[in-house]
Amino acid sequence: MRLIAPLLTLVALALAALAGHQLWLVLSTPAQPQAQLTPAQQQAAQPQPPQPRARRQWPPLFGEKQPPRPASPPVQRQPEPQPPKPARPPIESLGYVLKGRVQAGQATWAIVAHPSGEQLVRQGDHLREGIEVMRIDGQGLWISRQGDAPELLGFED
């Protein structure tokens, strides 16, 4: 094994030297002058362009090329019909009772009783979160629960 490595190294070195010598011969040889040719000889001497090969038609592997299509508008889904909201209990069942109405000029206030205490409210006030006073008139107090249609909280009979 120890004898083969130096032997192969010497062989590779000799081949490299031979290739270098061949290159030197090619580069050092002067170029031969071309003889003057007549136009007919020049035409005959010109190589003919190679004939194009017939291209092989392979079946399309991933389908035919298609021009890009314009983007279609997104399909709008209709919202699913929701079941009707359950009826809310009357406002009186929450413990609110209209005790009275006070009017001074253009301002109108209402006195509303609740088990937690009485309140003096006017239009735009909140009895509690989600329950807003919409208007106060001769019939009573109109309130809206969480943006629904106003409900009447009337006077006690």
C-alpha atoms as a PDB file:
ATOM      1  CA  MET A   1       0.000   0.000   0.000  1.00  0.00           C
ATOM      2  CA  ARG A   2       2.861   2.324   0.858  1.00  0.00           C
ATOM      3  CA  LEU A   3       4.439   1.630  -2.519  1.00  0.00           C
ATOM      4  CA  ILE A   4       1.255   2.303  -4.547  1.00  0.00           C
ATOM      5  CA  ALA A   5       0.689   5.905  -3.328  1.00  0.00           C
ATOM      6  CA  PRO A   6       4.106   7.277  -4.441  1.00  0.00           C
ATOM      7  CA  LEU A   7       3.881   5.339  -7.687  1.00  0.00           C
ATOM      8  CA  LEU A   8       0.465   6.808  -8.569  1.00  0.00           C
ATOM      9  CA  THR A   9       1.698  10.273  -7.593  1.00  0.00           C
ATOM     10  CA  LEU A  10       4.619   9.971 -10.058  1.00  0.00           C
ATOM     11  CA  VAL A  11       2.263   8.749 -12.819  1.00  0.00           C
ATOM     12  CA  ALA A  12      -0.111  11.713 -12.249  1.00  0.00           C
ATOM     13  CA  LEU A  13       2.850  14.118 -12.304  1.00  0.00           C
ATOM     14  CA  ALA A  14       4.109  12.655 -15.594  1.00  0.00           C
ATOM     15  CA  LEU A  15       0.643  12.955 -17.193  1.00  0.00           C
ATOM     16  CA  ALA A  16       0.365  16.588 -16.048  1.00  0.00           C
ATOM     17  CA  ALA A  17       3.776  17.345 -17.597  1.00  0.00           C
ATOM     18  CA  LEU A  18       2.707  15.684 -20.874  1.00  0.00           C
ATOM     19  CA  ALA A  19      -0.513  17.723 -20.985  1.00  0.00           C
ATOM     20  CA  GLY A  20       1.467  20.917 -20.342  1.00  0.00           C
ATOM     21  CA  HIS A  21       3.879  20.081 -23.181  1.00  0.00           C
ATOM     22  CA  GLN A  22       0.982  19.455 -25.605  1.00  0.00           C
ATOM     23  CA  LEU A  23      -0.556  22.818 -24.655  1.00  0.00           C
ATOM     24  CA  TRP A  24       2.762  24.571 -25.226  1.00  0.00           C
ATOM     25  CA  LEU A  25       3.027  23.023 -28.722  1.00  0.00           C
ATOM     26  CA  VAL A  26      -0.468  24.193 -29.687  1.00  0.00           C
ATOM     27  CA  LEU A  27       0.108  27.734 -28.453  1.00  0.00           C
ATOM     28  CA  SER A  28       3.609  28.132 -29.937  1.00  0.00           C
ATOM     29  CA  THR A  29       2.709  26.947 -33.456  1.00  0.00           C
ATOM     30  CA  PRO A  30       2.208  29.991 -35.722  1.00  0.00           C
ATOM     31  CA  ALA A  31      -1.188  30.340 -37.353  1.00  0.00           C
ATOM     32  CA  GLN A  32      -1.195  29.341 -41.028  1.00  0.00           C
ATOM     33  CA  PRO A  33      -2.223  32.130 -43.394  1.00  0.00           C
ATOM     34  CA  GLN A  34      -5.445  31.427 -45.235  1.00  0.00           C
ATOM     35  CA  ALA A  35      -5.285  31.258 -48.972  1.00  0.00           C
ATOM     36  CA  GLN A  36      -7.287  33.745 -51.002  1.00  0.00           C
ATOM     37  CA  LEU A  37     -10.501  32.101 -52.084  1.00  0.00           C
ATOM     38  CA  THR A  38     -12.780  33.210 -54.883  1.00  0.00           C
ATOM     39  CA  PRO A  39     -16.380  34.099 -53.949  1.00  0.00           C
ATOM     40  CA  ALA A  40     -17.623  30.814 -55.376  1.00  0.00           C
ATOM     41  CA  GLN A  41     -15.091  28.897 -53.270  1.00  0.00           C
ATOM     42  CA  GLN A  42     -15.978  30.964 -50.209  1.00  0.00           C
ATOM     43  CA  GLN A  43     -19.642  30.170 -50.733  1.00  0.00           C
ATOM     44  CA  ALA A  44     -18.875  26.472 -51.097  1.00  0.00           C
ATOM     45  CA  ALA A  45     -16.525  26.562 -48.104  1.00  0.00           C
ATOM     46  CA  GLN A  46     -19.106  28.143 -45.789  1.00  0.00           C
ATOM     47  CA  PRO A  47     -20.660  25.517 -43.636  1.00  0.00           C
ATOM     48  CA  GLN A  48     -24.355  25.041 -44.091  1.00  0.00           C
ATOM     49  CA  PRO A  49     -26.413  25.818 -41.003  1.00  0.00           C
ATOM     50  CA  PRO A  50     -27.478  22.650 -39.294  1.00  0.00           C
ATOM     51  CA  GLN A  51     -31.011  21.528 -39.943  1.00  0.00           C
ATOM     52  CA  PRO A  52     -33.159  22.044 -36.871  1.00  0.00           C
ATOM     53  CA  ARG A  53     -34.182  18.852 -35.259  1.00  0.00           C
ATOM     54  CA  ALA A  54     -37.835  18.103 -34.888  1.00  0.00           C
ATOM     55  CA  ARG A  55     -38.810  18.798 -31.317  1.00  0.00           C
ATOM     56  CA  ARG A  56     -40.253  15.895 -29.520  1.00  0.00           C
ATOM     57  CA  GLN A  57     -43.759  16.592 -28.300  1.00  0.00           C
ATOM     58  CA  TRP A  58     -44.265  15.211 -24.856  1.00  0.00           C
ATOM     59  CA  PRO A  59     -47.717  15.005 -23.380  1.00  0.00           C
ATOM     60  CA  PRO A  60     -48.225  17.738 -20.789  1.00  0.00           C
ATOM     61  CA  LEU A  61     -47.516  16.371 -17.363  1.00  0.00           C
ATOM     62  CA  PHE A  62     -49.217  19.139 -15.355  1.00  0.00           C
ATOM     63  CA  GLY A  63     -51.919  20.186 -17.815  1.00  0.00           C
ATOM     64  CA  GLU A  64     -52.048  22.764 -20.587  1.00  0.00           C
ATOM     65  CA  LYS A  65     -50.857  26.326 -20.104  1.00  0.00           C
ATOM     66  CA  GLN A  66     -53.794  28.631 -19.529  1.00  0.00           C
ATOM     67  CA  PRO A  67     -53.891  32.416 -19.610  1.00  0.00           C
ATOM     68  CA  PRO A  68     -54.592  33.955 -16.220  1.00  0.00           C
ATOM     69  CA  ARG A  69     -58.256  34.419 -15.417  1.00  0.00           C
ATOM     70  CA  PRO A  70     -59.568  37.565 -13.810  1.00  0.00           C
ATOM     71  CA  ALA A  71     -60.275  37.151 -10.147  1.00  0.00           C
ATOM     72  CA  SER A  72     -63.895  36.338  -9.529  1.00  0.00           C
ATOM     73  CA  PRO A  73     -65.657  38.347  -6.838  1.00  0.00           C
ATOM     74  CA  PRO A  74     -65.779  36.543  -3.516  1.00  0.00           C
ATOM     75  CA  VAL A  75     -68.884  34.527  -2.931  1.00  0.00           C
ATOM     76  CA  GLN A  76     -71.013  36.277  -0.361  1.00  0.00           C
ATOM     77  CA  ARG A  77     -72.543  33.926   2.083  1.00  0.00           C
ATOM     78  CA  GLN A  78     -75.923  34.692   3.446  1.00  0.00           C
ATOM     79  CA  PRO A  79     -75.942  34.721   7.208  1.00  0.00           C
ATOM     80  CA  GLU A  80     -77.570  31.734   8.763  1.00  0.00           C
ATOM     81  CA  PRO A  81     -81.025  32.470  10.090  1.00  0.00           C
ATOM     82  CA  GLN A  82     -80.860  32.926  13.820  1.00  0.00           C
ATOM     83  CA  PRO A  83     -83.584  31.706  16.100  1.00  0.00           C
ATOM     84  CA  PRO A  84     -85.694  34.525  17.532  1.00  0.00           C
ATOM     85  CA  LYS A  85     -84.435  36.007  20.761  1.00  0.00           C
ATOM     86  CA  PRO A  86     -86.373  34.875  23.784  1.00  0.00           C
ATOM     87  CA  ALA A  87     -88.830  37.433  25.089  1.00  0.00           C
ATOM     88  CA  ARG A  88     -87.416  39.527  27.886  1.00  0.00           C
ATOM     89  CA  PRO A  89     -89.286  39.659  31.148  1.00  0.00           C
ATOM     90  CA  PRO A  90     -91.207  42.879  31.792  1.00  0.00           C
ATOM     91  CA  ILE A  91     -89.200  45.679  33.368  1.00  0.00           C
ATOM     92  CA  GLU A  92     -91.407  45.571  36.459  1.00  0.00           C
ATOM     93  CA  SER A  93     -90.169  42.029  37.149  1.00  0.00           C
ATOM     94  CA  LEU A  94     -86.667  43.447  37.620  1.00  0.00           C
ATOM     95  CA  GLY A  95     -87.982  45.383  40.617  1.00  0.00           C
ATOM     96  CA  TYR A  96     -88.303  48.866  39.055  1.00  0.00           C
ATOM     97  CA  VAL A  97     -91.373  50.935  39.938  1.00  0.00           C
ATOM     98  CA  LEU A  98     -92.147  54.451  38.694  1.00  0.00           C
ATOM     99  CA  LYS A  99     -93.009  56.560  41.765  1.00  0.00           C
ATOM    100  CA  GLY A 100     -93.440  59.958  40.174  1.00  0.00           C
ATOM    101  CA  ARG A 101     -92.619  62.532  37.546  1.00  0.00           C
ATOM    102  CA  VAL A 102     -91.256  66.043  38.092  1.00  0.00           C
ATOM    103  CA  GLN A 103     -91.320  68.738  35.433  1.00  0.00           C
ATOM    104  CA  ALA A 104     -89.695  72.148  35.788  1.00  0.00           C
ATOM    105  CA  GLY A 105     -89.832  74.198  32.584  1.00  0.00           C
ATOM    106  CA  GLN A 106     -88.431  72.074  29.767  1.00  0.00           C
ATOM    107  CA  ALA A 107     -86.657  69.611  32.101  1.00  0.00           C
ATOM    108  CA  THR A 108     -88.433  66.411  33.132  1.00  0.00           C
ATOM    109  CA  TRP A 109     -87.258  63.959  35.792  1.00  0.00           C
ATOM    110  CA  ALA A 110     -88.678  60.688  37.018  1.00  0.00           C
ATOM    111  CA  ILE A 111     -88.448  59.046  40.410  1.00  0.00           C
ATOM    112  CA  VAL A 112     -87.811  55.305  40.070  1.00  0.00           C
ATOM    113  CA  ALA A 113     -87.877  52.943  43.025  1.00  0.00           C
ATOM    114  CA  HIS A 114     -85.908  49.713  43.187  1.00  0.00           C
ATOM    115  CA  PRO A 115     -85.225  47.325  46.086  1.00  0.00           C
ATOM    116  CA  SER A 116     -81.682  48.770  46.188  1.00  0.00           C
ATOM    117  CA  GLY A 117     -83.002  52.358  46.567  1.00  0.00           C
ATOM    118  CA  GLU A 118     -84.721  55.198  44.729  1.00  0.00           C
ATOM    119  CA  GLN A 119     -83.202  57.158  41.844  1.00  0.00           C
ATOM    120  CA  LEU A 120     -83.945  60.502  40.209  1.00  0.00           C
ATOM    121  CA  VAL A 121     -83.366  60.063  36.443  1.00  0.00           C
ATOM    122  CA  ARG A 122     -83.797  62.103  33.276  1.00  0.00           C
ATOM    123  CA  GLN A 123     -83.618  61.310  29.555  1.00  0.00           C
ATOM    124  CA  GLY A 124     -80.251  59.697  28.637  1.00  0.00           C
ATOM    125  CA  ASP A 125     -79.481  58.398  32.159  1.00  0.00           C
ATOM    126  CA  HIS A 126     -78.911  54.704  32.884  1.00  0.00           C
ATOM    127  CA  LEU A 127     -80.827  52.841  35.550  1.00  0.00           C
ATOM    128  CA  ARG A 128     -78.034  50.279  35.433  1.00  0.00           C
ATOM    129  CA  GLU A 129     -75.691  49.048  32.726  1.00  0.00           C
ATOM    130  CA  GLY A 130     -77.667  48.202  29.580  1.00  0.00           C
ATOM    131  CA  ILE A 131     -80.897  49.933  30.706  1.00  0.00           C
ATOM    132  CA  GLU A 132     -81.169  53.501  29.367  1.00  0.00           C
ATOM    133  CA  VAL A 133     -83.938  56.074  29.841  1.00  0.00           C
ATOM    134  CA  MET A 134     -85.158  57.066  26.354  1.00  0.00           C
ATOM    135  CA  ARG A 135     -87.899  59.609  27.279  1.00  0.00           C
ATOM    136  CA  ILE A 136     -90.259  60.623  30.024  1.00  0.00           C
ATOM    137  CA  ASP A 137     -93.846  61.622  29.208  1.00  0.00           C
ATOM    138  CA  GLY A 138     -97.320  61.624  30.725  1.00  0.00           C
ATOM    139  CA  GLN A 139     -97.708  57.845  30.275  1.00  0.00           C
ATOM    140  CA  GLY A 140     -94.528  57.041  32.189  1.00  0.00           C
ATOM    141  CA  LEU A 141     -90.882  56.222  31.677  1.00  0.00           C
ATOM    142  CA  TRP A 142     -89.717  54.750  28.341  1.00  0.00           C
ATOM    143  CA  ILE A 143     -86.593  52.647  28.713  1.00  0.00           C
ATOM    144  CA  SER A 144     -84.489  50.604  26.301  1.00  0.00           C
ATOM    145  CA  ARG A 145     -82.678  47.454  27.319  1.00  0.00           C
ATOM    146  CA  GLN A 146     -79.400  46.982  25.408  1.00  0.00           C
ATOM    147  CA  GLY A 147     -80.523  49.024  22.411  1.00  0.00           C
ATOM    148  CA  ASP A 148     -83.897  47.272  21.910  1.00  0.00           C
ATOM    149  CA  ALA A 149     -87.191  49.030  21.255  1.00  0.00           C
ATOM    150  CA  PRO A 150     -88.288  51.273  24.153  1.00  0.00           C
ATOM    151  CA  GLU A 151     -90.578  49.728  26.787  1.00  0.00           C
ATOM    152  CA  LEU A 152     -92.987  51.610  29.025  1.00  0.00           C
ATOM    153  CA  LEU A 153     -92.537  51.589  32.770  1.00  0.00           C
ATOM    154  CA  GLY A 154     -95.880  53.047  33.846  1.00  0.00           C
ATOM    155  CA  PHE A 155     -97.179  54.363  37.115  1.00  0.00           C
ATOM    156  CA  GLU A 156     -98.486  51.957  39.718  1.00  0.00           C
ATOM    157  CA  ASP A 157    -102.251  51.620  39.703  1.00  0.00           C
END
